[in-house]
Amino acid sequence: MLTTRNGDNLRARPMSAYSAQLENAVYFLTDLASHKDDEVARWPNVCLAFADTKAQKYLSVSGTAEVQNDREKIRELWATPAKAWWDNPDDPSIRILKVTPSSAEYWDSPGTIISYIKMAAAAVTNSKPDMGDNAEVTL
């Protein structure tokens, strides 16, 4: 999920992310008509959220976004998910949303059933449950 700011409100929407670790960036293909470019121009701080609910693993990434019109990069990122929105990578309305991460936080839980058992045991013993790993990382 990509969360941007729109005035006093936050807007989250699912998008296909393309991670580029060597570039310290996460890329998205977006459309000019979506108005994300306007939101990012005014409020460039964004949040990305990723979840693997079956494995109970979660990641939140904060960073700064910018809209780019790099046609070569668009062709490089072009993949099957993009075909749902555009006919080809040469569509003039396609833009790149580049997010440069500044910090991240992850949660790695032991799983739903085990988590429920740990919460029940903690309630009975009046203690706090060990719900797995959680850490914040400055990038």
Foldseek 3Di string as FASTA:
>chain_A
DKWFDDVPDIDDDDFDWDDDVVVLKIKTKDFQVVCVQVRLVVPQWMKDKDDDQQQGKIKIFIFGKHKADDLVVLQVPDDDVCVVPDVHSVPNGIIMIITRTFKMKMFGFRGDVVQVVQVVVCVVVVHDGCGGDMDMGGD
